[in-house]
Amino acid sequence: MRTNIYKDQIVKLLKKKHLLTIAEIHKAIPNADYSTVFRNVEQLLKDSTIKRVLVDSKSVAYESSKESHDHFVCNDCGKIKEVHISRESLPRDAFISDIMVRGTCKNCKK
């Protein structure tokens, strides 16, 4: 029963905040131990309620799967911003789940 409570809390949290790691989710739900948060995140992934986003080779974050968008990551400060990229010029025979664009944000460019 408590598992459903944690799943609901995780879903609500990811609807409010964009891209959170398991550690950040755990910090926001202090009454759940880390392994409980991990198991619930894994179940939500299996249910396609949330999705995994590979930020870089060492970082994984999670977000609600209800909204489809891509991401811009600043190479200097690491800030991640939601972007929408046209898929018209991409290969039609490939399934592209998301696109990660890297560069320098306007604050770091100054």
Foldseek 3Di string as FASTA:
>chain_A
DVLVVLLVLLLVVQVVDPWDDLVRSCVVVVVDDSVSSVVSVVVCVVVLQKHWDDLDPPDITIHGNPDQFEWEAEPPPGDIDTHHDDCVPPDPVDDDRYDYHYHHDPVRVD
